[in-house]
All heavy atoms as atom14 arrays in JSON, in Angstrom:
{
  "sequence": "TATLMDRFDFLYKAFYPILIITQTIPTIAIAPLLVLWMGFGMAPK",
  "atom14_mask": [
    [1, 1, 1, 1, 1, 1, 1, 0, 0, 0, 0, 0, 0, 0],
    [1, 1, 1, 1, 1, 0, 0, 0, 0, 0, 0, 0, 0, 0],
    [1, 1, 1, 1, 1, 1, 1, 0, 0, 0, 0, 0, 0, 0],
    [1, 1, 1, 1, 1, 1, 1, 1, 0, 0, 0, 0, 0, 0],
    [1, 1, 1, 1, 1, 1, 1, 1, 0, 0, 0, 0, 0, 0],
    [1, 1, 1, 1, 1, 1, 1, 1, 0, 0, 0, 0, 0, 0],
    [1, 1, 1, 1, 1, 1, 1, 1, 1, 1, 1, 0, 0, 0],
    [1, 1, 1, 1, 1, 1, 1, 1, 1, 1, 1, 0, 0, 0],
    [1, 1, 1, 1, 1, 1, 1, 1, 0, 0, 0, 0, 0, 0],
    [1, 1, 1, 1, 1, 1, 1, 1, 1, 1, 1, 0, 0, 0],
    [1, 1, 1, 1, 1, 1, 1, 1, 0, 0, 0, 0, 0, 0],
    [1, 1, 1, 1, 1, 1, 1, 1, 1, 1, 1, 1, 0, 0],
    [1, 1, 1, 1, 1, 1, 1, 1, 1, 0, 0, 0, 0, 0],
    [1, 1, 1, 1, 1, 0, 0, 0, 0, 0, 0, 0, 0, 0],
    [1, 1, 1, 1, 1, 1, 1, 1, 1, 1, 1, 0, 0, 0],
    [1, 1, 1, 1, 1, 1, 1, 1, 1, 1, 1, 1, 0, 0],
    [1, 1, 1, 1, 1, 1, 1, 0, 0, 0, 0, 0, 0, 0],
    [1, 1, 1, 1, 1, 1, 1, 1, 0, 0, 0, 0, 0, 0],
    [1, 1, 1, 1, 1, 1, 1, 1, 0, 0, 0, 0, 0, 0],
    [1, 1, 1, 1, 1, 1, 1, 1, 0, 0, 0, 0, 0, 0],
    [1, 1, 1, 1, 1, 1, 1, 1, 0, 0, 0, 0, 0, 0],
    [1, 1, 1, 1, 1, 1, 1, 0, 0, 0, 0, 0, 0, 0],
    [1, 1, 1, 1, 1, 1, 1, 1, 1, 0, 0, 0, 0, 0],
    [1, 1, 1, 1, 1, 1, 1, 0, 0, 0, 0, 0, 0, 0],
    [1, 1, 1, 1, 1, 1, 1, 1, 0, 0, 0, 0, 0, 0],
    [1, 1, 1, 1, 1, 1, 1, 0, 0, 0, 0, 0, 0, 0],
    [1, 1, 1, 1, 1, 1, 1, 0, 0, 0, 0, 0, 0, 0],
    [1, 1, 1, 1, 1, 1, 1, 1, 0, 0, 0, 0, 0, 0],
    [1, 1, 1, 1, 1, 0, 0, 0, 0, 0, 0, 0, 0, 0],
    [1, 1, 1, 1, 1, 1, 1, 1, 0, 0, 0, 0, 0, 0],
    [1, 1, 1, 1, 1, 0, 0, 0, 0, 0, 0, 0, 0, 0],
    [1, 1, 1, 1, 1, 1, 1, 0, 0, 0, 0, 0, 0, 0],
    [1, 1, 1, 1, 1, 1, 1, 1, 0, 0, 0, 0, 0, 0],
    [1, 1, 1, 1, 1, 1, 1, 1, 0, 0, 0, 0, 0, 0],
    [1, 1, 1, 1, 1, 1, 1, 0, 0, 0, 0, 0, 0, 0],
    [1, 1, 1, 1, 1, 1, 1, 1, 0, 0, 0, 0, 0, 0],
    [1, 1, 1, 1, 1, 1, 1, 1, 1, 1, 1, 1, 1, 1],
    [1, 1, 1, 1, 1, 1, 1, 1, 0, 0, 0, 0, 0, 0],
    [1, 1, 1, 1, 0, 0, 0, 0, 0, 0, 0, 0, 0, 0],
    [1, 1, 1, 1, 1, 1, 1, 1, 1, 1, 1, 0, 0, 0],
    [1, 1, 1, 1, 0, 0, 0, 0, 0, 0, 0, 0, 0, 0],
    [1, 1, 1, 1, 1, 1, 1, 1, 0, 0, 0, 0, 0, 0],
    [1, 1, 1, 1, 1, 0, 0, 0, 0, 0, 0, 0, 0, 0],
    [1, 1, 1, 1, 1, 1, 1, 0, 0, 0, 0, 0, 0, 0],
    [1, 1, 1, 1, 1, 1, 1, 1, 1, 0, 0, 0, 0, 0]
  ],
  "atom14_positions": [
    [[-9.29, 124.86, 107.68], [-8.06, 124.17, 108.09], [-6.9, 124.49, 107.14], [-5.8, 124.82, 107.58], [-8.27, 122.65, 108.13], [-9.38, 122.35, 109.02], [-7.03, 121.92, 108.63], [0.0, 0.0, 0.0], [0.0, 0.0, 0.0], [0.0, 0.0, 0.0], [0.0, 0.0, 0.0], [0.0, 0.0, 0.0], [0.0, 0.0, 0.0], [0.0, 0.0, 0.0]],
    [[-7.15, 124.4, 105.85], [-6.1, 124.68, 104.86], [-5.62, 126.13, 104.93], [-4.42, 126.4, 104.82], [-6.61, 124.35, 103.44], [0.0, 0.0, 0.0], [0.0, 0.0, 0.0], [0.0, 0.0, 0.0], [0.0, 0.0, 0.0], [0.0, 0.0, 0.0], [0.0, 0.0, 0.0], [0.0, 0.0, 0.0], [0.0, 0.0, 0.0], [0.0, 0.0, 0.0]],
    [[-6.56, 127.04, 105.14], [-6.19, 128.45, 105.24], [-5.32, 128.72, 106.47], [-4.3, 129.41, 106.38], [-7.47, 129.32, 105.32], [-8.29, 129.07, 104.18], [-7.1, 130.81, 105.34], [0.0, 0.0, 0.0], [0.0, 0.0, 0.0], [0.0, 0.0, 0.0], [0.0, 0.0, 0.0], [0.0, 0.0, 0.0], [0.0, 0.0, 0.0], [0.0, 0.0, 0.0]],
    [[-5.71, 128.14, 107.61], [-4.92, 128.34, 108.84], [-3.54, 127.67, 108.74], [-2.53, 128.21, 109.19], [-5.7, 127.76, 110.04], [-6.93, 128.56, 110.47], [-7.69, 127.79, 111.56], [-6.57, 129.96, 110.94], [0.0, 0.0, 0.0], [0.0, 0.0, 0.0], [0.0, 0.0, 0.0], [0.0, 0.0, 0.0], [0.0, 0.0, 0.0], [0.0, 0.0, 0.0]],
    [[-3.49, 126.47, 108.13], [-2.24, 125.77, 107.99], [-1.3, 126.48, 107.03], [-0.08, 126.43, 107.16], [-2.49, 124.33, 107.56], [-3.07, 123.45, 108.63], [-3.54, 121.8, 108.08], [-1.91, 121.09, 107.73], [0.0, 0.0, 0.0], [0.0, 0.0, 0.0], [0.0, 0.0, 0.0], [0.0, 0.0, 0.0], [0.0, 0.0, 0.0], [0.0, 0.0, 0.0]],
    [[-1.88, 127.15, 106.04], [-1.05, 127.93, 105.12], [-0.57, 129.23, 105.76], [0.55, 129.66, 105.52], [-1.88, 128.27, 103.87], [-1.12, 129.14, 102.89], [-0.13, 128.65, 102.28], [-1.5, 130.32, 102.73], [0.0, 0.0, 0.0], [0.0, 0.0, 0.0], [0.0, 0.0, 0.0], [0.0, 0.0, 0.0], [0.0, 0.0, 0.0], [0.0, 0.0, 0.0]],
    [[-1.4, 129.79, 106.6], [-1.06, 131.05, 107.27], [-0.02, 130.86, 108.35], [0.94, 131.65, 108.48], [-2.34, 131.7, 107.85], [-2.1, 132.92, 108.72], [-1.55, 134.09, 107.93], [-1.33, 135.23, 108.78], [-0.25, 135.44, 109.55], [0.73, 134.54, 109.53], [-0.12, 136.5, 110.29], [0.0, 0.0, 0.0], [0.0, 0.0, 0.0], [0.0, 0.0, 0.0]],
    [[-0.17, 129.81, 109.14], [0.73, 129.56, 110.25], [1.54, 128.31, 110.0], [0.97, 127.2, 109.99], [-0.08, 129.42, 111.58], [-0.9, 130.63, 111.88], [-2.27, 130.62, 111.67], [-0.31, 131.8, 112.39], [-3.04, 131.73, 111.98], [-1.09, 132.91, 112.68], [-2.48, 132.89, 112.47], [0.0, 0.0, 0.0], [0.0, 0.0, 0.0], [0.0, 0.0, 0.0]],
    [[2.83, 128.49, 109.84], [3.69, 127.37, 109.47], [3.76, 126.3, 110.56], [3.85, 125.12, 110.27], [5.1, 127.89, 109.17], [5.98, 126.84, 108.49], [5.53, 126.27, 107.48], [7.08, 126.57, 109.01], [0.0, 0.0, 0.0], [0.0, 0.0, 0.0], [0.0, 0.0, 0.0], [0.0, 0.0, 0.0], [0.0, 0.0, 0.0], [0.0, 0.0, 0.0]],
    [[3.68, 126.72, 111.81], [3.76, 125.74, 112.92], [2.52, 124.83, 112.92], [2.6, 123.66, 113.3], [3.93, 126.43, 114.28], [2.71, 127.12, 114.79], [1.83, 126.46, 115.64], [2.45, 128.44, 114.44], [0.71, 127.1, 116.14], [1.31, 129.08, 114.92], [0.45, 128.41, 115.77], [0.0, 0.0, 0.0], [0.0, 0.0, 0.0], [0.0, 0.0, 0.0]],
    [[1.37, 125.39, 112.51], [0.15, 124.55, 112.38], [0.3, 123.54, 111.26], [-0.13, 122.38, 111.4], [-1.05, 125.43, 112.13], [-1.6, 126.25, 113.32], [-2.8, 127.07, 112.88], [-1.99, 125.33, 114.46], [0.0, 0.0, 0.0], [0.0, 0.0, 0.0], [0.0, 0.0, 0.0], [0.0, 0.0, 0.0], [0.0, 0.0, 0.0], [0.0, 0.0, 0.0]],
    [[0.93, 123.98, 110.16], [1.16, 123.07, 109.03], [2.06, 121.91, 109.46], [1.76, 120.75, 109.2], [1.79, 123.84, 107.87], [2.12, 122.99, 106.69], [1.15, 122.65, 105.75], [3.4, 122.48, 106.5], [1.44, 121.87, 104.64], [3.71, 121.69, 105.42], [2.72, 121.4, 104.48], [3.04, 120.58, 103.4], [0.0, 0.0, 0.0], [0.0, 0.0, 0.0]],
    [[3.16, 122.23, 110.16], [4.08, 121.19, 110.59], [3.48, 120.26, 111.64], [3.77, 119.07, 111.66], [5.37, 121.83, 111.15], [6.21, 122.53, 110.08], [7.42, 123.21, 110.71], [8.25, 123.9, 109.64], [9.43, 124.6, 110.24], [0.0, 0.0, 0.0], [0.0, 0.0, 0.0], [0.0, 0.0, 0.0], [0.0, 0.0, 0.0], [0.0, 0.0, 0.0]],
    [[2.59, 120.82, 112.45], [1.99, 120.01, 113.54], [0.88, 119.11, 113.05], [0.77, 117.94, 113.46], [1.5, 120.95, 114.62], [0.0, 0.0, 0.0], [0.0, 0.0, 0.0], [0.0, 0.0, 0.0], [0.0, 0.0, 0.0], [0.0, 0.0, 0.0], [0.0, 0.0, 0.0], [0.0, 0.0, 0.0], [0.0, 0.0, 0.0], [0.0, 0.0, 0.0]],
    [[0.02, 119.65, 112.16], [-1.2, 118.93, 111.81], [-1.16, 118.17, 110.49], [-1.99, 117.29, 110.26], [-2.39, 119.91, 111.8], [-2.8, 120.34, 113.17], [-2.46, 121.6, 113.64], [-3.52, 119.5, 113.99], [-2.81, 122.01, 114.91], [-3.89, 119.91, 115.26], [-3.54, 121.16, 115.72], [0.0, 0.0, 0.0], [0.0, 0.0, 0.0], [0.0, 0.0, 0.0]],
    [[-0.23, 118.5, 109.6], [-0.18, 117.78, 108.31], [0.09, 116.29, 108.52], [-0.62, 115.46, 107.9], [0.89, 118.39, 107.39], [0.84, 117.83, 106.0], [-0.09, 118.3, 105.05], [1.73, 116.84, 105.59], [-0.13, 117.79, 103.78], [1.68, 116.31, 104.33], [0.75, 116.79, 103.42], [0.69, 116.26, 102.15], [0.0, 0.0, 0.0], [0.0, 0.0, 0.0]],
    [[1.04, 115.88, 109.35], [1.22, 114.44, 109.59], [-0.04, 113.78, 110.18], [-0.35, 112.62, 109.85], [2.37, 114.35, 110.56], [3.09, 115.65, 110.41], [2.04, 116.65, 110.1], [0.0, 0.0, 0.0], [0.0, 0.0, 0.0], [0.0, 0.0, 0.0], [0.0, 0.0, 0.0], [0.0, 0.0, 0.0], [0.0, 0.0, 0.0], [0.0, 0.0, 0.0]],
    [[-0.78, 114.52, 111.03], [-2.0, 113.98, 111.63], [-3.06, 113.75, 110.55], [-3.79, 112.75, 110.57], [-2.53, 114.91, 112.71], [-1.51, 115.0, 113.87], [-3.9, 114.45, 113.23], [-1.87, 116.02, 114.93], [0.0, 0.0, 0.0], [0.0, 0.0, 0.0], [0.0, 0.0, 0.0], [0.0, 0.0, 0.0], [0.0, 0.0, 0.0], [0.0, 0.0, 0.0]],
    [[-3.16, 114.68, 109.6], [-4.09, 114.53, 108.46], [-3.79, 113.25, 107.69], [-4.71, 112.5, 107.29], [-4.04, 115.73, 107.54], [-4.66, 117.04, 108.02], [-4.47, 118.12, 106.97], [-6.11, 116.86, 108.35], [0.0, 0.0, 0.0], [0.0, 0.0, 0.0], [0.0, 0.0, 0.0], [0.0, 0.0, 0.0], [0.0, 0.0, 0.0], [0.0, 0.0, 0.0]],
    [[-2.51, 113.0, 107.47], [-2.12, 111.8, 106.74], [-2.47, 110.53, 107.53], [-3.0, 109.56, 106.98], [-0.59, 111.81, 106.44], [-0.22, 113.06, 105.6], [-0.17, 110.54, 105.72], [-0.88, 113.14, 104.25], [0.0, 0.0, 0.0], [0.0, 0.0, 0.0], [0.0, 0.0, 0.0], [0.0, 0.0, 0.0], [0.0, 0.0, 0.0], [0.0, 0.0, 0.0]],
    [[-2.2, 110.57, 108.83], [-2.48, 109.4, 109.68], [-3.98, 109.07, 109.72], [-4.36, 107.91, 109.72], [-1.94, 109.64, 111.13], [-0.4, 109.66, 111.1], [-2.44, 108.59, 112.08], [0.21, 110.15, 112.39], [0.0, 0.0, 0.0], [0.0, 0.0, 0.0], [0.0, 0.0, 0.0], [0.0, 0.0, 0.0], [0.0, 0.0, 0.0], [0.0, 0.0, 0.0]],
    [[-4.83, 110.12, 109.71], [-6.27, 109.86, 109.77], [-6.76, 109.07, 108.57], [-7.77, 108.36, 108.66], [-7.04, 111.18, 109.82], [-6.73, 111.99, 108.67], [-6.73, 111.96, 111.08], [0.0, 0.0, 0.0], [0.0, 0.0, 0.0], [0.0, 0.0, 0.0], [0.0, 0.0, 0.0], [0.0, 0.0, 0.0], [0.0, 0.0, 0.0], [0.0, 0.0, 0.0]],
    [[-6.04, 109.16, 107.45], [-6.46, 108.43, 106.25], [-6.06, 106.97, 106.25], [-6.46, 106.2, 105.38], [-5.87, 109.12, 105.0], [-6.37, 110.52, 104.78], [-7.88, 110.62, 104.82], [-8.54, 110.09, 103.97], [-8.4, 111.33, 105.83], [0.0, 0.0, 0.0], [0.0, 0.0, 0.0], [0.0, 0.0, 0.0], [0.0, 0.0, 0.0], [0.0, 0.0, 0.0]],
    [[-5.27, 106.56, 107.25], [-4.9, 105.16, 107.36], [-5.91, 104.36, 108.17], [-5.83, 103.14, 108.26], [-3.5, 105.03, 108.02], [-3.56, 105.53, 109.36], [-2.46, 105.8, 107.22], [0.0, 0.0, 0.0], [0.0, 0.0, 0.0], [0.0, 0.0, 0.0], [0.0, 0.0, 0.0], [0.0, 0.0, 0.0], [0.0, 0.0, 0.0], [0.0, 0.0, 0.0]],
    [[-6.85, 105.09, 108.82], [-7.88, 104.42, 109.63], [-9.07, 104.08, 108.75], [-9.64, 104.98, 108.12], [-8.33, 105.33, 110.79], [-7.13, 105.74, 111.64], [-9.4, 104.65, 111.64], [-7.45, 106.81, 112.66], [0.0, 0.0, 0.0], [0.0, 0.0, 0.0], [0.0, 0.0, 0.0], [0.0, 0.0, 0.0], [0.0, 0.0, 0.0], [0.0, 0.0, 0.0]],
    [[-9.48, 102.83, 108.66], [-10.62, 102.44, 107.79], [-11.9, 103.09, 108.29], [-12.2, 103.06, 109.5], [-10.69, 100.93, 107.92], [-9.37, 100.51, 108.49], [-8.88, 101.65, 109.31], [0.0, 0.0, 0.0], [0.0, 0.0, 0.0], [0.0, 0.0, 0.0], [0.0, 0.0, 0.0], [0.0, 0.0, 0.0], [0.0, 0.0, 0.0], [0.0, 0.0, 0.0]],
    [[-12.67, 103.69, 107.38], [-13.93, 104.35, 107.78], [-14.93, 103.35, 108.34], [-15.72, 103.71, 109.21], [-14.53, 105.05, 106.55], [-14.66, 104.13, 105.47], [-13.68, 106.23, 106.11], [0.0, 0.0, 0.0], [0.0, 0.0, 0.0], [0.0, 0.0, 0.0], [0.0, 0.0, 0.0], [0.0, 0.0, 0.0], [0.0, 0.0, 0.0], [0.0, 0.0, 0.0]],
    [[-14.9, 102.12, 107.85], [-15.84, 101.11, 108.33], [-15.56, 100.74, 109.78], [-16.41, 100.22, 110.5], [-15.81, 99.85, 107.43], [-17.08, 99.04, 107.62], [-14.56, 99.02, 107.69], [-17.34, 98.05, 106.54], [0.0, 0.0, 0.0], [0.0, 0.0, 0.0], [0.0, 0.0, 0.0], [0.0, 0.0, 0.0], [0.0, 0.0, 0.0], [0.0, 0.0, 0.0]],
    [[-14.33, 101.03, 110.25], [-14.0, 100.81, 111.66], [-14.48, 101.96, 112.54], [-14.75, 101.79, 113.74], [-12.5, 100.62, 111.84], [0.0, 0.0, 0.0], [0.0, 0.0, 0.0], [0.0, 0.0, 0.0], [0.0, 0.0, 0.0], [0.0, 0.0, 0.0], [0.0, 0.0, 0.0], [0.0, 0.0, 0.0], [0.0, 0.0, 0.0], [0.0, 0.0, 0.0]],
    [[-14.56, 103.15, 111.95], [-15.01, 104.33, 112.73], [-16.51, 104.35, 112.86], [-17.06, 104.78, 113.88], [-14.53, 105.63, 112.02], [-13.0, 105.65, 111.9], [-15.01, 106.86, 112.77], [-12.49, 106.8, 111.07], [0.0, 0.0, 0.0], [0.0, 0.0, 0.0], [0.0, 0.0, 0.0], [0.0, 0.0, 0.0], [0.0, 0.0, 0.0], [0.0, 0.0, 0.0]],
    [[-17.25, 103.89, 111.83], [-18.7, 103.99, 111.79], [-19.39, 103.41, 113.02], [-20.28, 104.08, 113.6], [-19.22, 103.35, 110.51], [0.0, 0.0, 0.0], [0.0, 0.0, 0.0], [0.0, 0.0, 0.0], [0.0, 0.0, 0.0], [0.0, 0.0, 0.0], [0.0, 0.0, 0.0], [0.0, 0.0, 0.0], [0.0, 0.0, 0.0], [0.0, 0.0, 0.0]],
    [[-19.04, 102.19, 113.49], [-19.71, 101.66, 114.68], [-19.5, 102.53, 115.92], [-20.41, 102.67, 116.77], [-19.08, 100.28, 114.88], [-18.48, 99.93, 113.57], [-18.07, 101.22, 112.97], [0.0, 0.0, 0.0], [0.0, 0.0, 0.0], [0.0, 0.0, 0.0], [0.0, 0.0, 0.0], [0.0, 0.0, 0.0], [0.0, 0.0, 0.0], [0.0, 0.0, 0.0]],
    [[-18.32, 103.13, 116.04], [-18.04, 104.02, 117.2], [-18.91, 105.27, 117.13], [-19.43, 105.73, 118.14], [-16.56, 104.4, 117.2], [-15.57, 103.28, 117.47], [-14.13, 103.81, 117.32], [-15.77, 102.7, 118.87], [0.0, 0.0, 0.0], [0.0, 0.0, 0.0], [0.0, 0.0, 0.0], [0.0, 0.0, 0.0], [0.0, 0.0, 0.0], [0.0, 0.0, 0.0]],
    [[-19.08, 105.81, 115.93], [-19.91, 107.0, 115.78], [-21.38, 106.72, 116.12], [-22.05, 107.53, 116.72], [-19.81, 107.54, 114.32], [-18.45, 108.07, 113.89], [-18.46, 108.45, 112.43], [-18.03, 109.26, 114.75], [0.0, 0.0, 0.0], [0.0, 0.0, 0.0], [0.0, 0.0, 0.0], [0.0, 0.0, 0.0], [0.0, 0.0, 0.0], [0.0, 0.0, 0.0]],
    [[-21.84, 105.52, 115.71], [-23.2, 105.11, 116.03], [-23.35, 104.95, 117.54], [-24.36, 105.36, 118.15], [-23.57, 103.8, 115.31], [-24.91, 103.27, 115.8], [-23.64, 104.02, 113.81], [0.0, 0.0, 0.0], [0.0, 0.0, 0.0], [0.0, 0.0, 0.0], [0.0, 0.0, 0.0], [0.0, 0.0, 0.0], [0.0, 0.0, 0.0], [0.0, 0.0, 0.0]],
    [[-22.32, 104.39, 118.19], [-22.35, 104.2, 119.63], [-22.37, 105.52, 120.37], [-23.09, 105.7, 121.38], [-21.12, 103.39, 120.07], [-20.96, 103.07, 121.55], [-22.07, 102.15, 122.03], [-19.61, 102.41, 121.83], [0.0, 0.0, 0.0], [0.0, 0.0, 0.0], [0.0, 0.0, 0.0], [0.0, 0.0, 0.0], [0.0, 0.0, 0.0], [0.0, 0.0, 0.0]],
    [[-21.61, 106.49, 119.89], [-21.5, 107.8, 120.55], [-22.7, 108.73, 120.24], [-23.12, 109.48, 121.08], [-20.21, 108.51, 120.12], [-18.97, 107.81, 120.57], [-18.84, 106.95, 121.64], [-17.68, 107.89, 119.95], [-17.55, 106.5, 121.74], [-16.78, 107.05, 120.7], [-17.15, 108.57, 118.86], [-15.45, 106.9, 120.39], [-15.81, 108.42, 118.53], [-14.98, 107.59, 119.3]],
    [[-23.19, 108.65, 119.0], [-24.2, 109.63, 118.55], [-25.59, 109.05, 118.33], [-26.54, 109.79, 118.02], [-23.71, 110.29, 117.24], [-22.42, 111.05, 117.37], [-21.95, 111.79, 115.79], [-20.38, 112.55, 116.23], [0.0, 0.0, 0.0], [0.0, 0.0, 0.0], [0.0, 0.0, 0.0], [0.0, 0.0, 0.0], [0.0, 0.0, 0.0], [0.0, 0.0, 0.0]],
    [[-25.74, 107.76, 118.43], [-27.06, 107.13, 118.22], [-27.29, 106.73, 116.8], [-26.37, 106.71, 115.95], [0.0, 0.0, 0.0], [0.0, 0.0, 0.0], [0.0, 0.0, 0.0], [0.0, 0.0, 0.0], [0.0, 0.0, 0.0], [0.0, 0.0, 0.0], [0.0, 0.0, 0.0], [0.0, 0.0, 0.0], [0.0, 0.0, 0.0], [0.0, 0.0, 0.0]],
    [[-28.57, 106.42, 116.49], [-28.92, 105.89, 115.16], [-29.52, 106.94, 114.23], [-30.08, 106.6, 113.19], [-29.91, 104.73, 115.33], [-29.31, 103.52, 116.0], [-29.43, 103.33, 117.36], [-28.64, 102.57, 115.24], [-28.88, 102.24, 117.98], [-28.09, 101.47, 115.85], [-28.2, 101.28, 117.23], [0.0, 0.0, 0.0], [0.0, 0.0, 0.0], [0.0, 0.0, 0.0]],
    [[-29.43, 108.18, 114.62], [-29.99, 109.25, 113.8], [-29.07, 109.65, 112.63], [-28.22, 108.87, 112.2], [0.0, 0.0, 0.0], [0.0, 0.0, 0.0], [0.0, 0.0, 0.0], [0.0, 0.0, 0.0], [0.0, 0.0, 0.0], [0.0, 0.0, 0.0], [0.0, 0.0, 0.0], [0.0, 0.0, 0.0], [0.0, 0.0, 0.0], [0.0, 0.0, 0.0]],
    [[-29.23, 110.88, 112.18], [-28.49, 111.34, 111.02], [-27.07, 111.84, 111.39], [-26.18, 111.87, 110.53], [-29.26, 112.48, 110.33], [-28.8, 112.81, 108.93], [-29.84, 114.05, 108.11], [-31.24, 113.03, 107.67], [0.0, 0.0, 0.0], [0.0, 0.0, 0.0], [0.0, 0.0, 0.0], [0.0, 0.0, 0.0], [0.0, 0.0, 0.0], [0.0, 0.0, 0.0]],
    [[-26.87, 112.19, 112.65], [-25.59, 112.78, 113.06], [-24.38, 111.92, 112.78], [-23.39, 112.42, 112.22], [-25.65, 113.13, 114.56], [0.0, 0.0, 0.0], [0.0, 0.0, 0.0], [0.0, 0.0, 0.0], [0.0, 0.0, 0.0], [0.0, 0.0, 0.0], [0.0, 0.0, 0.0], [0.0, 0.0, 0.0], [0.0, 0.0, 0.0], [0.0, 0.0, 0.0]],
    [[-24.38, 110.6, 113.13], [-23.19, 109.8, 112.83], [-22.92, 109.63, 111.33], [-21.76, 109.55, 110.91], [-23.49, 108.44, 113.48], [-24.94, 108.41, 113.66], [-25.37, 109.81, 113.85], [0.0, 0.0, 0.0], [0.0, 0.0, 0.0], [0.0, 0.0, 0.0], [0.0, 0.0, 0.0], [0.0, 0.0, 0.0], [0.0, 0.0, 0.0], [0.0, 0.0, 0.0]],
    [[-23.99, 109.6, 110.53], [-23.81, 109.49, 109.09], [-23.15, 110.72, 108.51], [-22.2, 110.64, 107.7], [-25.18, 109.27, 108.38], [-25.76, 107.89, 108.51], [-26.44, 107.69, 109.81], [-27.26, 106.4, 109.85], [-27.83, 106.15, 111.18], [0.0, 0.0, 0.0], [0.0, 0.0, 0.0], [0.0, 0.0, 0.0], [0.0, 0.0, 0.0], [0.0, 0.0, 0.0]]
  ]
}
């Protein structure tokens, strides 16, 4: 991701704000959804 965003400026401008926004979402809120979508195995972890 970093290599592509450095190579293509439009990717950097498009996806850098999205990267920042993803860090505002609590991981403990995502975990139940991952378990629901992927089951109780190793994949959601």
